[in-house]
C-alpha atoms as a PDB file:
ATOM      1  CA  MET A   1      37.952 -15.144 -37.941  1.00  0.00           C
ATOM      2  CA  ARG A   2      39.823 -18.014 -36.585  1.00  0.00           C
ATOM      3  CA  ILE A   3      37.877 -21.373 -35.441  1.00  0.00           C
ATOM      4  CA  ASP A   4      39.985 -23.713 -33.188  1.00  0.00           C
ATOM      5  CA  PHE A   5      38.813 -27.096 -34.448  1.00  0.00           C
ATOM      6  CA  ARG A   6      40.158 -28.952 -31.502  1.00  0.00           C
ATOM      7  CA  GLN A   7      37.762 -27.002 -29.259  1.00  0.00           C
ATOM      8  CA  LEU A   8      35.028 -27.193 -31.691  1.00  0.00           C
ATOM      9  CA  GLY A   9      35.567 -30.990 -32.251  1.00  0.00           C
ATOM     10  CA  GLY A  10      36.212 -31.803 -28.602  1.00  0.00           C
ATOM     11  CA  GLY A  11      39.722 -33.179 -28.795  1.00  0.00           C
ATOM     12  CA  ALA A  12      42.936 -33.932 -30.893  1.00  0.00           C
ATOM     13  CA  VAL A  13      41.478 -36.957 -33.178  1.00  0.00           C
ATOM     14  CA  LEU A  14      38.542 -35.785 -35.204  1.00  0.00           C
ATOM     15  CA  ALA A  15      37.177 -38.804 -36.715  1.00  0.00           C
ATOM     16  CA  GLY A  16      33.753 -39.716 -38.527  1.00  0.00           C
ATOM     17  CA  ALA A  17      31.005 -38.468 -40.519  1.00  0.00           C
ATOM     18  CA  LEU A  18      28.858 -37.777 -37.542  1.00  0.00           C
ATOM     19  CA  GLN A  19      31.215 -35.812 -35.518  1.00  0.00           C
ATOM     20  CA  GLY A  20      31.968 -33.962 -38.716  1.00  0.00           C
ATOM     21  CA  ARG A  21      28.031 -32.960 -39.276  1.00  0.00           C
ATOM     22  CA  LYS A  22      28.091 -31.831 -35.718  1.00  0.00           C
ATOM     23  CA  VAL A  23      31.088 -29.556 -36.303  1.00  0.00           C
ATOM     24  CA  LEU A  24      29.747 -28.339 -39.415  1.00  0.00           C
ATOM     25  CA  ASN A  25      26.546 -27.072 -37.582  1.00  0.00           C
ATOM     26  CA  GLU A  26      28.863 -25.228 -35.080  1.00  0.00           C
ATOM     27  CA  LEU A  27      30.608 -23.701 -37.963  1.00  0.00           C
ATOM     28  CA  LEU A  28      27.565 -22.878 -39.747  1.00  0.00           C
ATOM     29  CA  SER A  29      26.294 -20.990 -36.388  1.00  0.00           C
ATOM     30  CA  ALA A  30      29.591 -19.325 -35.753  1.00  0.00           C
ATOM     31  CA  THR A  31      29.303 -17.564 -39.361  1.00  0.00           C
ATOM     32  CA  ALA A  32      25.557 -16.816 -39.455  1.00  0.00           C
ATOM     33  CA  THR A  33      26.512 -13.247 -39.554  1.00  0.00           C
ATOM     34  CA  GLU A  34      27.948 -11.907 -42.827  1.00  0.00           C
ATOM     35  CA  PRO A  35      31.113  -9.568 -42.718  1.00  0.00           C
ATOM     36  CA  ALA A  36      30.510  -6.217 -44.845  1.00  0.00           C
ATOM     37  CA  ALA A  37      33.894  -7.120 -46.739  1.00  0.00           C
ATOM     38  CA  PRO A  38      35.628 -10.398 -47.755  1.00  0.00           C
ATOM     39  CA  GLU A  39      37.126 -12.021 -44.833  1.00  0.00           C
ATOM     40  CA  PRO A  40      38.822 -15.290 -44.367  1.00  0.00           C
ATOM     41  CA  VAL A  41      37.797 -18.042 -42.131  1.00  0.00           C
ATOM     42  CA  PHE A  42      40.644 -19.989 -40.548  1.00  0.00           C
ATOM     43  CA  LEU A  43      39.533 -23.418 -39.923  1.00  0.00           C
ATOM     44  CA  ASP A  44      42.607 -23.831 -37.400  1.00  0.00           C
ATOM     45  CA  PHE A  45      43.682 -27.542 -37.270  1.00  0.00           C
ATOM     46  CA  GLY A  46      46.896 -26.753 -35.031  1.00  0.00           C
ATOM     47  CA  LYS A  47      46.118 -28.586 -32.154  1.00  0.00           C
ATOM     48  CA  VAL A  48      44.652 -31.712 -33.681  1.00  0.00           C
ATOM     49  CA  ASP A  49      46.508 -34.848 -34.228  1.00  0.00           C
ATOM     50  CA  VAL A  50      44.386 -36.515 -36.521  1.00  0.00           C
ATOM     51  CA  ALA A  51      41.313 -35.656 -38.549  1.00  0.00           C
ATOM     52  CA  THR A  52      40.045 -38.226 -40.898  1.00  0.00           C
ATOM     53  CA  ALA A  53      38.922 -37.903 -44.397  1.00  0.00           C
ATOM     54  CA  SER A  54      35.109 -38.511 -43.242  1.00  0.00           C
ATOM     55  CA  PHE A  55      35.300 -35.885 -40.659  1.00  0.00           C
ATOM     56  CA  LEU A  56      36.854 -33.451 -42.865  1.00  0.00           C
ATOM     57  CA  ARG A  57      34.468 -34.349 -46.006  1.00  0.00           C
ATOM     58  CA  GLU A  58      31.480 -33.678 -43.536  1.00  0.00           C
ATOM     59  CA  SER A  59      32.915 -30.431 -41.695  1.00  0.00           C
ATOM     60  CA  ALA A  60      35.371 -28.379 -43.404  1.00  0.00           C
ATOM     61  CA  VAL A  61      34.899 -29.339 -47.138  1.00  0.00           C
ATOM     62  CA  ALA A  62      30.849 -29.340 -46.461  1.00  0.00           C
ATOM     63  CA  PHE A  63      31.529 -25.719 -44.512  1.00  0.00           C
ATOM     64  CA  ARG A  64      33.218 -24.287 -47.813  1.00  0.00           C
ATOM     65  CA  GLU A  65      30.606 -25.588 -50.029  1.00  0.00           C
ATOM     66  CA  HIS A  66      27.950 -24.147 -47.928  1.00  0.00           C
ATOM     67  CA  VAL A  67      29.565 -20.699 -47.522  1.00  0.00           C
ATOM     68  CA  ARG A  68      30.679 -20.582 -51.109  1.00  0.00           C
ATOM     69  CA  GLY A  69      27.299 -21.709 -52.165  1.00  0.00           C
ATOM     70  CA  ARG A  70      25.397 -18.924 -50.478  1.00  0.00           C
ATOM     71  CA  ARG A  71      28.019 -16.506 -52.231  1.00  0.00           C
ATOM     72  CA  SER A  72      29.350 -15.417 -48.884  1.00  0.00           C
ATOM     73  CA  THR A  73      31.840 -12.923 -47.955  1.00  0.00           C
ATOM     74  CA  PHE A  74      33.711 -15.532 -45.923  1.00  0.00           C
ATOM     75  CA  TYR A  75      36.464 -17.510 -47.547  1.00  0.00           C
ATOM     76  CA  PRO A  76      37.354 -20.576 -45.605  1.00  0.00           C
ATOM     77  CA  VAL A  77      41.088 -21.293 -45.376  1.00  0.00           C
ATOM     78  CA  ILE A  78      42.607 -24.511 -43.793  1.00  0.00           C
ATOM     79  CA  ALA A  79      45.363 -23.347 -41.271  1.00  0.00           C
ATOM     80  CA  ASN A  80      48.209 -25.230 -39.415  1.00  0.00           C
ATOM     81  CA  ALA A  81      47.192 -28.879 -40.340  1.00  0.00           C
ATOM     82  CA  ASN A  82      49.702 -31.307 -39.737  1.00  0.00           C
ATOM     83  CA  ASP A  83      51.259 -33.711 -42.607  1.00  0.00           C
ATOM     84  CA  ASP A  84      48.718 -36.436 -42.009  1.00  0.00           C
ATOM     85  CA  ILE A  85      45.605 -34.041 -41.890  1.00  0.00           C
ATOM     86  CA  ARG A  86      47.127 -32.488 -45.353  1.00  0.00           C
ATOM     87  CA  ASP A  87      47.318 -35.982 -46.644  1.00  0.00           C
ATOM     88  CA  GLU A  88      43.551 -36.344 -45.727  1.00  0.00           C
ATOM     89  CA  LEU A  89      42.462 -33.177 -47.493  1.00  0.00           C
ATOM     90  CA  LEU A  90      44.869 -33.905 -50.626  1.00  0.00           C
ATOM     91  CA  GLU A  91      42.847 -37.410 -51.447  1.00  0.00           C
ATOM     92  CA  LEU A  92      39.688 -35.519 -50.973  1.00  0.00           C
ATOM     93  CA  ALA A  93      40.714 -32.921 -53.330  1.00  0.00           C
ATOM     94  CA  LYS A  94      42.006 -35.412 -55.899  1.00  0.00           C
ATOM     95  CA  ASN A  95      38.910 -37.228 -55.429  1.00  0.00           C
ATOM     96  CA  ARG A  96      36.760 -34.258 -55.901  1.00  0.00           C
ATOM     97  CA  GLY A  97      39.178 -32.489 -58.600  1.00  0.00           C
ATOM     98  CA  GLU A  98      39.463 -29.542 -56.531  1.00  0.00           C
ATOM     99  CA  ALA A  99      42.044 -27.591 -54.440  1.00  0.00           C
ATOM    100  CA  PHE A 100      42.020 -26.121 -50.821  1.00  0.00           C
ATOM    101  CA  LEU A 101      43.816 -22.987 -49.764  1.00  0.00           C
ATOM    102  CA  VAL A 102      45.875 -23.828 -46.726  1.00  0.00           C
ATOM    103  CA  CYS A 103      48.441 -21.880 -44.414  1.00  0.00           C
ATOM    104  CA  ARG A 104      50.444 -21.594 -41.363  1.00  0.00           C
ATOM    105  CA  LEU A 105      48.860 -19.172 -39.096  1.00  0.00           C
ATOM    106  CA  ALA A 106      50.912 -17.612 -36.368  1.00  0.00           C
ATOM    107  CA  ASP A 107      49.429 -16.846 -32.784  1.00  0.00           C
ATOM    108  CA  ASP A 108      49.190 -12.814 -33.665  1.00  0.00           C
ATOM    109  CA  ASN A 109      47.174 -14.246 -37.008  1.00  0.00           C
ATOM    110  CA  ARG A 110      49.926 -13.503 -39.345  1.00  0.00           C
ATOM    111  CA  VAL A 111      49.504 -15.623 -42.332  1.00  0.00           C
ATOM    112  CA  GLU A 112      52.450 -17.437 -43.887  1.00  0.00           C
ATOM    113  CA  GLY A 113      53.242 -20.155 -46.598  1.00  0.00           C
ATOM    114  CA  THR A 114      50.063 -19.977 -48.514  1.00  0.00           C
ATOM    115  CA  THR A 115      49.578 -22.702 -50.902  1.00  0.00           C
ATOM    116  CA  LEU A 116      47.089 -24.708 -52.914  1.00  0.00           C
ATOM    117  CA  LEU A 117      46.627 -28.355 -51.757  1.00  0.00           C
ATOM    118  CA  GLY A 118      45.242 -30.275 -54.617  1.00  0.00           C
ATOM    119  CA  GLU A 119      44.938 -29.963 -58.246  1.00  0.00           C
ATOM    120  CA  LEU A 120      43.202 -27.398 -60.566  1.00  0.00           C
ATOM    121  CA  ASN A 121      42.823 -27.935 -63.939  1.00  0.00           C
ATOM    122  CA  PRO A 122      45.432 -26.278 -66.153  1.00  0.00           C
ATOM    123  CA  LYS A 123      43.301 -23.426 -67.468  1.00  0.00           C
ATOM    124  CA  GLN A 124      41.994 -22.659 -63.777  1.00  0.00           C
ATOM    125  CA  LYS A 125      45.812 -22.782 -62.639  1.00  0.00           C
ATOM    126  CA  VAL A 126      46.874 -20.251 -65.285  1.00  0.00           C
ATOM    127  CA  THR A 127      43.882 -18.038 -64.432  1.00  0.00           C
ATOM    128  CA  PHE A 128      44.486 -18.476 -60.699  1.00  0.00           C
ATOM    129  CA  ASP A 129      48.215 -17.469 -61.004  1.00  0.00           C
ATOM    130  CA  LEU A 130      47.162 -14.601 -63.471  1.00  0.00           C
ATOM    131  CA  VAL A 131      45.222 -13.302 -60.507  1.00  0.00           C
ATOM    132  CA  ARG A 132      47.808 -13.412 -58.044  1.00  0.00           C
ATOM    133  CA  GLN A 133      50.118 -11.668 -60.545  1.00  0.00           C
ATOM    134  CA  HIS A 134      47.969  -8.727 -61.161  1.00  0.00           C
ATOM    135  CA  ASN A 135      46.636  -8.605 -57.648  1.00  0.00           C
ATOM    136  CA  GLU A 136      43.233  -7.510 -59.165  1.00  0.00           C
ATOM    137  CA  THR A 137      41.640  -8.124 -62.349  1.00  0.00           C
ATOM    138  CA  ASP A 138      38.572  -9.062 -64.332  1.00  0.00           C
ATOM    139  CA  ALA A 139      37.772 -11.283 -67.229  1.00  0.00           C
ATOM    140  CA  ALA A 140      37.816  -8.351 -69.928  1.00  0.00           C
ATOM    141  CA  GLU A 141      41.300  -7.486 -68.641  1.00  0.00           C
ATOM    142  CA  LEU A 142      42.642 -10.925 -68.829  1.00  0.00           C
ATOM    143  CA  MET A 143      40.776 -11.241 -72.402  1.00  0.00           C
ATOM    144  CA  ARG A 144      42.902  -8.359 -73.775  1.00  0.00           C
ATOM    145  CA  ILE A 145      46.285  -9.185 -72.135  1.00  0.00           C
ATOM    146  CA  TYR A 146      46.255 -12.867 -72.451  1.00  0.00           C
ATOM    147  CA  GLY A 147      43.346 -13.925 -74.763  1.00  0.00           C
ATOM    148  CA  GLU A 148      45.561 -14.705 -77.797  1.00  0.00           C
ATOM    149  CA  ARG A 149      48.365 -16.494 -75.827  1.00  0.00           C
ATOM    150  CA  GLU A 150      45.907 -18.644 -74.119  1.00  0.00           C
ATOM    151  CA  GLY A 151      43.896 -19.339 -77.082  1.00  0.00           C
ATOM    152  CA  VAL A 152      40.545 -17.663 -75.743  1.00  0.00           C
ATOM    153  CA  THR A 153      38.444 -16.203 -78.171  1.00  0.00           C
ATOM    154  CA  GLN A 154      35.836 -14.984 -75.686  1.00  0.00           C
ATOM    155  CA  THR A 155      35.540 -12.981 -72.723  1.00  0.00           C
ATOM    156  CA  THR A 156      33.005 -15.636 -71.177  1.00  0.00           C
ATOM    157  CA  ALA A 157      35.801 -18.390 -70.844  1.00  0.00           C
ATOM    158  CA  TRP A 158      37.640 -16.062 -68.655  1.00  0.00           C
ATOM    159  CA  ASN A 159      34.334 -15.422 -66.750  1.00  0.00           C
ATOM    160  CA  ASN A 160      33.755 -18.986 -66.394  1.00  0.00           C
ATOM    161  CA  ARG A 161      37.246 -19.493 -64.891  1.00  0.00           C
ATOM    162  CA  LEU A 162      37.165 -16.641 -62.543  1.00  0.00           C
ATOM    163  CA  ALA A 163      33.481 -17.787 -61.170  1.00  0.00           C
ATOM    164  CA  ALA A 164      34.536 -21.407 -60.832  1.00  0.00           C
ATOM    165  CA  LEU A 165      37.904 -20.393 -58.706  1.00  0.00           C
ATOM    166  CA  ALA A 166      35.678 -17.685 -56.631  1.00  0.00           C
ATOM    167  CA  ALA A 167      33.256 -20.501 -56.151  1.00  0.00           C
ATOM    168  CA  LEU A 168      35.773 -22.717 -54.440  1.00  0.00           C
ATOM    169  CA  GLY A 169      37.079 -19.721 -52.309  1.00  0.00           C
ATOM    170  CA  LEU A 170      40.454 -19.616 -53.615  1.00  0.00           C
ATOM    171  CA  ILE A 171      40.168 -15.882 -54.903  1.00  0.00           C
ATOM    172  CA  VAL A 172      37.859 -12.915 -53.805  1.00  0.00           C
ATOM    173  CA  GLU A 173      35.136 -11.751 -56.007  1.00  0.00           C
ATOM    174  CA  ILE A 174      34.224  -8.266 -55.691  1.00  0.00           C
ATOM    175  CA  SER A 175      30.761  -7.000 -57.439  1.00  0.00           C
ATOM    176  CA  GLN A 176      30.816  -3.550 -58.803  1.00  0.00           C
ATOM    177  CA  GLY A 177      27.278  -3.186 -60.277  1.00  0.00           C
ATOM    178  CA  ARG A 178      27.053  -5.646 -63.158  1.00  0.00           C
ATOM    179  CA  ASN A 179      31.063  -6.014 -63.300  1.00  0.00           C
ATOM    180  CA  LYS A 180      33.070  -8.422 -61.309  1.00  0.00           C
ATOM    181  CA  ARG A 181      36.480  -8.035 -60.328  1.00  0.00           C
ATOM    182  CA  TYR A 182      38.597 -10.629 -58.600  1.00  0.00           C
ATOM    183  CA  ARG A 183      41.717 -10.481 -56.512  1.00  0.00           C
ATOM    184  CA  PRO A 184      43.545 -13.015 -54.317  1.00  0.00           C
ATOM    185  CA  LEU A 185      42.513 -13.550 -50.664  1.00  0.00           C
ATOM    186  CA  PHE A 186      45.982 -12.768 -49.612  1.00  0.00           C
END
């Protein structure tokens, strides 16, 4: 799913918490029906010149918190944000101790240049990189392969790291009965 923020926000300049909350309501309406399988929701800022931190906090960031909090199969991704918008997002990420998944999205919906914007703590960063390296994994596998090297003595530590990354929407959580596996979104 691709959501055009210029259209949703009503212009190329998106500013203020009030406008952000209005856009959040539109986002929640557009994503009320859950997809059967995990799916990225591209929050497309390609036609937006300016988006203030207060707008972003009340729209895109609040949307991510909402859908990830309900353990949705939607995974929000910031797409086509210009340098100014990325700077605003980076400041929000730093203040919150989080990271956002950002990319360039072509007209044909081809994803290019996926990166993290913000900072993960070192243990989460290692875990994120390992999930990308393995393409799909779980806590038991990470414990078996990397536990000693990373100084981890219990699978619970890997579970906590993986769950935190999934809560941020940075990796996809796949439930298989009581077991959970994780894979990169792209």
